[in-house]
Amino acid sequence: MAATGIFGGRRYRIVWTAVVGFLLLAGCGAAILLISPTTCLMTFVMGAGTVGSVYLSAGMADGQPARHVARQVVKWSLRSGVLTLAVCGYAVTAGWTTIALLLAVVATAPYVVTRLWTPASTVEQYSDEELCLAWCLSTAALESAATDEQRLAITATRLSYLDELERRQPEKFAAWLETSPQATADPSDFFIRTDHHTASD
């Protein structure tokens, strides 16, 4: 589990997100500098429109609330548009090396790394930090689930994380619940940081 703690923890997730953000900015910058504005706009619209239409169709088919569907469509459309534009920028400057870069980004993603390092782990084997990370990652997975079956499976997994946290640290679990946390809330401050709610005498 040590490898997971190094490569799947919150610090790794922050570093990975920062690096990917920089790569996206660099790729978009290259595209804007080397490709015509019209082509850049068309590339962005094509990437955003393709993924946005998929999320719109899936959300309407599942009967999800219109507000939730709209948020998902906007979020993933923007992300996909930026990603598509960045890929075009790298394709112009790096050629086929772009494929290797994409594979490296996917292979080092926190969720992928966690799964690779702990293929047969159960929640009982997770450290407190890994449980909190798994809870946060499952939030994104639940938001992007396309079917009711997927949502039910992810929800059951999330409940197992909560049950394990409560079993280990019932007092901290109760204190966390008293804050009325949202489903997207990160419980790390309550279960990992020992100085939480510590008052000076």
C-alpha atoms as a PDB file:
ATOM      1  CA  MET A   1       0.000   0.000   0.000  1.00  0.00           C
ATOM      2  CA  ALA A   2       2.973   2.336   0.292  1.00  0.00           C
ATOM      3  CA  ALA A   3       3.072   2.832  -3.436  1.00  0.00           C
ATOM      4  CA  THR A   4      -0.547   3.867  -3.442  1.00  0.00           C
ATOM      5  CA  GLY A   5       0.090   6.347  -0.652  1.00  0.00           C
ATOM      6  CA  ILE A   6       2.843   7.981  -2.724  1.00  0.00           C
ATOM      7  CA  PHE A   7       1.186   7.928  -6.136  1.00  0.00           C
ATOM      8  CA  GLY A   8      -2.494   8.010  -5.228  1.00  0.00           C
ATOM      9  CA  GLY A   9      -2.581  10.576  -2.423  1.00  0.00           C
ATOM     10  CA  ARG A  10      -3.922  14.094  -2.423  1.00  0.00           C
ATOM     11  CA  ARG A  11      -0.510  15.659  -3.042  1.00  0.00           C
ATOM     12  CA  TYR A  12       0.019  13.485  -6.101  1.00  0.00           C
ATOM     13  CA  ARG A  13      -3.442  14.399  -7.369  1.00  0.00           C
ATOM     14  CA  ILE A  14      -2.683  18.123  -6.998  1.00  0.00           C
ATOM     15  CA  VAL A  15       0.665  17.789  -8.780  1.00  0.00           C
ATOM     16  CA  TRP A  16      -0.852  15.699 -11.589  1.00  0.00           C
ATOM     17  CA  THR A  17      -3.678  18.220 -12.070  1.00  0.00           C
ATOM     18  CA  ALA A  18      -1.204  21.111 -12.172  1.00  0.00           C
ATOM     19  CA  VAL A  19       0.996  19.347 -14.728  1.00  0.00           C
ATOM     20  CA  VAL A  20      -1.963  18.430 -16.931  1.00  0.00           C
ATOM     21  CA  GLY A  21      -3.257  21.999 -16.682  1.00  0.00           C
ATOM     22  CA  PHE A  22       0.111  23.314 -17.818  1.00  0.00           C
ATOM     23  CA  LEU A  23       0.201  20.848 -20.711  1.00  0.00           C
ATOM     24  CA  LEU A  24      -3.286  21.909 -21.796  1.00  0.00           C
ATOM     25  CA  LEU A  25      -2.335  25.579 -21.700  1.00  0.00           C
ATOM     26  CA  ALA A  26       0.850  24.886 -23.675  1.00  0.00           C
ATOM     27  CA  GLY A  27      -1.022  22.868 -26.284  1.00  0.00           C
ATOM     28  CA  CYS A  28      -3.760  25.484 -26.666  1.00  0.00           C
ATOM     29  CA  GLY A  29      -1.110  28.195 -26.909  1.00  0.00           C
ATOM     30  CA  ALA A  30       0.686  26.317 -29.650  1.00  0.00           C
ATOM     31  CA  ALA A  31      -2.572  25.838 -31.540  1.00  0.00           C
ATOM     32  CA  ILE A  32      -3.463  29.524 -31.304  1.00  0.00           C
ATOM     33  CA  LEU A  33       0.004  30.566 -32.493  1.00  0.00           C
ATOM     34  CA  LEU A  34       0.432  28.040 -35.293  1.00  0.00           C
ATOM     35  CA  ILE A  35      -3.102  27.389 -36.534  1.00  0.00           C
ATOM     36  CA  SER A  36      -5.512  29.890 -38.025  1.00  0.00           C
ATOM     37  CA  PRO A  37      -8.169  31.336 -35.677  1.00  0.00           C
ATOM     38  CA  THR A  38     -10.947  29.837 -37.779  1.00  0.00           C
ATOM     39  CA  THR A  39      -9.458  26.351 -37.540  1.00  0.00           C
ATOM     40  CA  CYS A  40      -8.913  26.742 -33.791  1.00  0.00           C
ATOM     41  CA  LEU A  41     -12.536  27.781 -33.312  1.00  0.00           C
ATOM     42  CA  MET A  42     -13.829  24.910 -35.424  1.00  0.00           C
ATOM     43  CA  THR A  43     -11.614  22.444 -33.539  1.00  0.00           C
ATOM     44  CA  PHE A  44     -12.872  23.665 -30.177  1.00  0.00           C
ATOM     45  CA  VAL A  45     -16.510  23.605 -31.277  1.00  0.00           C
ATOM     46  CA  MET A  46     -16.192  20.100 -32.747  1.00  0.00           C
ATOM     47  CA  GLY A  47     -14.623  18.701 -29.570  1.00  0.00           C
ATOM     48  CA  ALA A  48     -17.081  20.455 -27.288  1.00  0.00           C
ATOM     49  CA  GLY A  49     -20.097  19.684 -29.438  1.00  0.00           C
ATOM     50  CA  THR A  50     -19.347  15.983 -29.808  1.00  0.00           C
ATOM     51  CA  VAL A  51     -18.931  15.268 -26.108  1.00  0.00           C
ATOM     52  CA  GLY A  52     -21.669  17.701 -25.105  1.00  0.00           C
ATOM     53  CA  SER A  53     -24.190  15.981 -27.348  1.00  0.00           C
ATOM     54  CA  VAL A  54     -23.258  12.605 -25.856  1.00  0.00           C
ATOM     55  CA  TYR A  55     -23.848  13.836 -22.300  1.00  0.00           C
ATOM     56  CA  LEU A  56     -27.057  15.563 -23.351  1.00  0.00           C
ATOM     57  CA  SER A  57     -28.427  12.415 -24.978  1.00  0.00           C
ATOM     58  CA  ALA A  58     -27.391  10.202 -22.048  1.00  0.00           C
ATOM     59  CA  GLY A  59     -28.883  12.577 -19.498  1.00  0.00           C
ATOM     60  CA  MET A  60     -32.189  12.895 -21.335  1.00  0.00           C
ATOM     61  CA  ALA A  61     -32.393   9.138 -21.872  1.00  0.00           C
ATOM     62  CA  ASP A  62     -31.892   8.500 -18.139  1.00  0.00           C
ATOM     63  CA  GLY A  63     -34.455  11.125 -17.178  1.00  0.00           C
ATOM     64  CA  GLN A  64     -32.008  13.170 -15.110  1.00  0.00           C
ATOM     65  CA  PRO A  65     -33.002  16.648 -13.871  1.00  0.00           C
ATOM     66  CA  ALA A  66     -32.547  19.290 -16.550  1.00  0.00           C
ATOM     67  CA  ARG A  67     -30.303  21.426 -14.326  1.00  0.00           C
ATOM     68  CA  HIS A  68     -27.970  18.522 -13.639  1.00  0.00           C
ATOM     69  CA  VAL A  69     -27.819  17.597 -17.320  1.00  0.00           C
ATOM     70  CA  ALA A  70     -27.071  21.208 -18.253  1.00  0.00           C
ATOM     71  CA  ARG A  71     -24.188  21.391 -15.750  1.00  0.00           C
ATOM     72  CA  GLN A  72     -22.697  18.163 -17.027  1.00  0.00           C
ATOM     73  CA  VAL A  73     -23.014  19.219 -20.661  1.00  0.00           C
ATOM     74  CA  VAL A  74     -21.367  22.597 -20.051  1.00  0.00           C
ATOM     75  CA  LYS A  75     -18.578  21.151 -17.896  1.00  0.00           C
ATOM     76  CA  TRP A  76     -17.600  18.316 -20.183  1.00  0.00           C
ATOM     77  CA  SER A  77     -18.096  20.328 -23.354  1.00  0.00           C
ATOM     78  CA  LEU A  78     -15.627  22.964 -22.193  1.00  0.00           C
ATOM     79  CA  ARG A  79     -13.129  20.349 -21.058  1.00  0.00           C
ATOM     80  CA  SER A  80     -13.390  18.433 -24.306  1.00  0.00           C
ATOM     81  CA  GLY A  81     -13.082  21.567 -26.408  1.00  0.00           C
ATOM     82  CA  VAL A  82      -9.907  22.619 -24.590  1.00  0.00           C
ATOM     83  CA  LEU A  83      -8.488  19.091 -24.791  1.00  0.00           C
ATOM     84  CA  THR A  84      -9.188  18.829 -28.523  1.00  0.00           C
ATOM     85  CA  LEU A  85      -7.574  22.202 -29.201  1.00  0.00           C
ATOM     86  CA  ALA A  86      -4.525  21.264 -27.099  1.00  0.00           C
ATOM     87  CA  VAL A  87      -4.141  17.947 -28.926  1.00  0.00           C
ATOM     88  CA  CYS A  88      -4.180  19.784 -32.256  1.00  0.00           C
ATOM     89  CA  GLY A  89      -1.506  22.131 -30.952  1.00  0.00           C
ATOM     90  CA  TYR A  90       0.715  19.228 -29.946  1.00  0.00           C
ATOM     91  CA  ALA A  91       0.011  17.419 -33.198  1.00  0.00           C
ATOM     92  CA  VAL A  92       1.366  20.404 -35.109  1.00  0.00           C
ATOM     93  CA  THR A  93       4.474  20.761 -32.961  1.00  0.00           C
ATOM     94  CA  ALA A  94       5.200  17.184 -31.841  1.00  0.00           C
ATOM     95  CA  GLY A  95       3.551  15.002 -34.475  1.00  0.00           C
ATOM     96  CA  TRP A  96       2.989  11.374 -33.512  1.00  0.00           C
ATOM     97  CA  THR A  97       4.687  11.961 -30.161  1.00  0.00           C
ATOM     98  CA  THR A  98       1.349  13.458 -29.124  1.00  0.00           C
ATOM     99  CA  ILE A  99      -0.083   9.935 -28.814  1.00  0.00           C
ATOM    100  CA  ALA A 100       2.659   8.957 -26.368  1.00  0.00           C
ATOM    101  CA  LEU A 101       1.958  12.110 -24.356  1.00  0.00           C
ATOM    102  CA  LEU A 102      -1.756  11.322 -24.177  1.00  0.00           C
ATOM    103  CA  LEU A 103      -1.050   7.757 -23.068  1.00  0.00           C
ATOM    104  CA  ALA A 104       1.342   9.026 -20.397  1.00  0.00           C
ATOM    105  CA  VAL A 105      -1.260  11.463 -19.049  1.00  0.00           C
ATOM    106  CA  VAL A 106      -3.931   8.747 -18.863  1.00  0.00           C
ATOM    107  CA  ALA A 107      -1.555   6.156 -17.372  1.00  0.00           C
ATOM    108  CA  THR A 108      -0.467   8.527 -14.599  1.00  0.00           C
ATOM    109  CA  ALA A 109      -3.967   9.740 -13.697  1.00  0.00           C
ATOM    110  CA  PRO A 110      -4.616   9.352  -9.938  1.00  0.00           C
ATOM    111  CA  TYR A 111      -7.624   7.076 -10.437  1.00  0.00           C
ATOM    112  CA  VAL A 112      -5.727   4.826 -12.872  1.00  0.00           C
ATOM    113  CA  VAL A 113      -2.628   4.704 -10.677  1.00  0.00           C
ATOM    114  CA  THR A 114      -4.686   3.806  -7.619  1.00  0.00           C
ATOM    115  CA  ARG A 115      -6.369   0.968  -9.483  1.00  0.00           C
ATOM    116  CA  LEU A 116      -3.097  -0.348 -10.902  1.00  0.00           C
ATOM    117  CA  TRP A 117      -1.313  -0.366  -7.566  1.00  0.00           C
ATOM    118  CA  THR A 118      -4.194  -1.899  -5.627  1.00  0.00           C
ATOM    119  CA  PRO A 119      -5.979  -4.259  -8.027  1.00  0.00           C
ATOM    120  CA  ALA A 120      -7.218  -6.652  -5.341  1.00  0.00           C
ATOM    121  CA  SER A 121      -7.527  -4.303  -2.382  1.00  0.00           C
ATOM    122  CA  THR A 122     -10.612  -4.093  -0.214  1.00  0.00           C
ATOM    123  CA  VAL A 123     -11.723  -1.073   1.773  1.00  0.00           C
ATOM    124  CA  GLU A 124     -10.345  -2.687   4.925  1.00  0.00           C
ATOM    125  CA  GLN A 125      -6.867  -2.574   3.386  1.00  0.00           C
ATOM    126  CA  TYR A 126      -7.046   1.110   2.509  1.00  0.00           C
ATOM    127  CA  SER A 127      -5.321   3.676   4.656  1.00  0.00           C
ATOM    128  CA  ASP A 128      -7.413   6.581   5.937  1.00  0.00           C
ATOM    129  CA  GLU A 129      -5.937   8.822   3.246  1.00  0.00           C
ATOM    130  CA  GLU A 130      -6.734   6.278   0.542  1.00  0.00           C
ATOM    131  CA  LEU A 131     -10.320   5.976   1.766  1.00  0.00           C
ATOM    132  CA  CYS A 132     -10.783   9.741   1.609  1.00  0.00           C
ATOM    133  CA  LEU A 133      -9.198   9.854  -1.847  1.00  0.00           C
ATOM    134  CA  ALA A 134     -11.397   7.001  -3.049  1.00  0.00           C
ATOM    135  CA  TRP A 135     -14.464   8.881  -1.765  1.00  0.00           C
ATOM    136  CA  CYS A 136     -13.459  12.022  -3.701  1.00  0.00           C
ATOM    137  CA  LEU A 137     -12.702  10.091  -6.887  1.00  0.00           C
ATOM    138  CA  SER A 138     -15.994   8.231  -6.667  1.00  0.00           C
ATOM    139  CA  THR A 139     -17.819  11.573  -6.631  1.00  0.00           C
ATOM    140  CA  ALA A 140     -16.544  12.367 -10.112  1.00  0.00           C
ATOM    141  CA  ALA A 141     -17.300   8.817 -11.239  1.00  0.00           C
ATOM    142  CA  LEU A 142     -20.873   9.121  -9.950  1.00  0.00           C
ATOM    143  CA  GLU A 143     -21.396  12.418 -11.775  1.00  0.00           C
ATOM    144  CA  SER A 144     -20.217  10.937 -15.064  1.00  0.00           C
ATOM    145  CA  ALA A 145     -22.077   7.618 -14.745  1.00  0.00           C
ATOM    146  CA  ALA A 146     -24.158   6.995 -17.846  1.00  0.00           C
ATOM    147  CA  THR A 147     -26.648   4.382 -16.594  1.00  0.00           C
ATOM    148  CA  ASP A 148     -28.695   3.652 -13.488  1.00  0.00           C
ATOM    149  CA  GLU A 149     -26.769   0.406 -12.988  1.00  0.00           C
ATOM    150  CA  GLN A 150     -23.464   2.270 -12.905  1.00  0.00           C
ATOM    151  CA  ARG A 151     -24.822   4.828 -10.460  1.00  0.00           C
ATOM    152  CA  LEU A 152     -26.137   2.101  -8.150  1.00  0.00           C
ATOM    153  CA  ALA A 153     -22.797   0.276  -8.203  1.00  0.00           C
ATOM    154  CA  ILE A 154     -20.835   3.446  -7.484  1.00  0.00           C
ATOM    155  CA  THR A 155     -23.267   4.434  -4.722  1.00  0.00           C
ATOM    156  CA  ALA A 156     -22.833   1.051  -3.060  1.00  0.00           C
ATOM    157  CA  THR A 157     -19.061   1.463  -3.198  1.00  0.00           C
ATOM    158  CA  ARG A 158     -19.310   4.945  -1.697  1.00  0.00           C
ATOM    159  CA  LEU A 159     -21.395   3.570   1.157  1.00  0.00           C
ATOM    160  CA  SER A 160     -18.689   0.997   1.862  1.00  0.00           C
ATOM    161  CA  TYR A 161     -16.166   3.825   2.179  1.00  0.00           C
ATOM    162  CA  LEU A 162     -18.390   5.620   4.677  1.00  0.00           C
ATOM    163  CA  ASP A 163     -19.019   2.434   6.661  1.00  0.00           C
ATOM    164  CA  GLU A 164     -15.285   1.794   6.929  1.00  0.00           C
ATOM    165  CA  LEU A 165     -14.533   5.362   8.014  1.00  0.00           C
ATOM    166  CA  GLU A 166     -17.245   5.146  10.661  1.00  0.00           C
ATOM    167  CA  ARG A 167     -15.961   1.776  11.875  1.00  0.00           C
ATOM    168  CA  ARG A 168     -12.436   3.092  12.303  1.00  0.00           C
ATOM    169  CA  GLN A 169     -13.132   6.517  13.742  1.00  0.00           C
ATOM    170  CA  PRO A 170     -16.755   6.818  14.908  1.00  0.00           C
ATOM    171  CA  GLU A 171     -16.217  10.077  16.822  1.00  0.00           C
ATOM    172  CA  LYS A 172     -14.586  11.841  13.876  1.00  0.00           C
ATOM    173  CA  PHE A 173     -17.213  10.399  11.569  1.00  0.00           C
ATOM    174  CA  ALA A 174     -19.976  11.828  13.759  1.00  0.00           C
ATOM    175  CA  ALA A 175     -18.209  15.190  13.895  1.00  0.00           C
ATOM    176  CA  TRP A 176     -17.989  15.219  10.109  1.00  0.00           C
ATOM    177  CA  LEU A 177     -21.693  14.439   9.743  1.00  0.00           C
ATOM    178  CA  GLU A 178     -22.539  17.285  12.112  1.00  0.00           C
ATOM    179  CA  THR A 179     -21.183  19.699   9.509  1.00  0.00           C
ATOM    180  CA  SER A 180     -23.875  18.472   7.062  1.00  0.00           C
ATOM    181  CA  PRO A 181     -21.294  17.748   4.355  1.00  0.00           C
ATOM    182  CA  GLN A 182     -22.277  17.736   0.714  1.00  0.00           C
ATOM    183  CA  ALA A 183     -21.819  14.623  -1.369  1.00  0.00           C
ATOM    184  CA  THR A 184     -18.757  16.229  -2.940  1.00  0.00           C
ATOM    185  CA  ALA A 185     -17.147  17.162   0.396  1.00  0.00           C
ATOM    186  CA  ASP A 186     -13.594  15.973   1.094  1.00  0.00           C
ATOM    187  CA  PRO A 187     -13.482  14.326   4.567  1.00  0.00           C
ATOM    188  CA  SER A 188      -9.680  14.388   4.749  1.00  0.00           C
ATOM    189  CA  ASP A 189      -9.525  17.240   7.257  1.00  0.00           C
ATOM    190  CA  PHE A 190     -11.540  15.202   9.758  1.00  0.00           C
ATOM    191  CA  PHE A 191      -9.973  11.773   9.311  1.00  0.00           C
ATOM    192  CA  ILE A 192      -6.354  12.508   8.415  1.00  0.00           C
ATOM    193  CA  ARG A 193      -5.380  15.712  10.144  1.00  0.00           C
ATOM    194  CA  THR A 194      -4.916  15.019  13.851  1.00  0.00           C
ATOM    195  CA  ASP A 195      -5.043  18.704  14.762  1.00  0.00           C
ATOM    196  CA  HIS A 196      -8.593  19.216  13.507  1.00  0.00           C
ATOM    197  CA  HIS A 197     -10.832  20.953  16.055  1.00  0.00           C
ATOM    198  CA  THR A 198      -7.957  20.987  18.552  1.00  0.00           C
ATOM    199  CA  ALA A 199      -8.326  23.818  21.012  1.00  0.00           C
ATOM    200  CA  SER A 200      -5.458  25.342  22.965  1.00  0.00           C
ATOM    201  CA  ASP A 201      -5.782  25.084  26.706  1.00  0.00           C
END
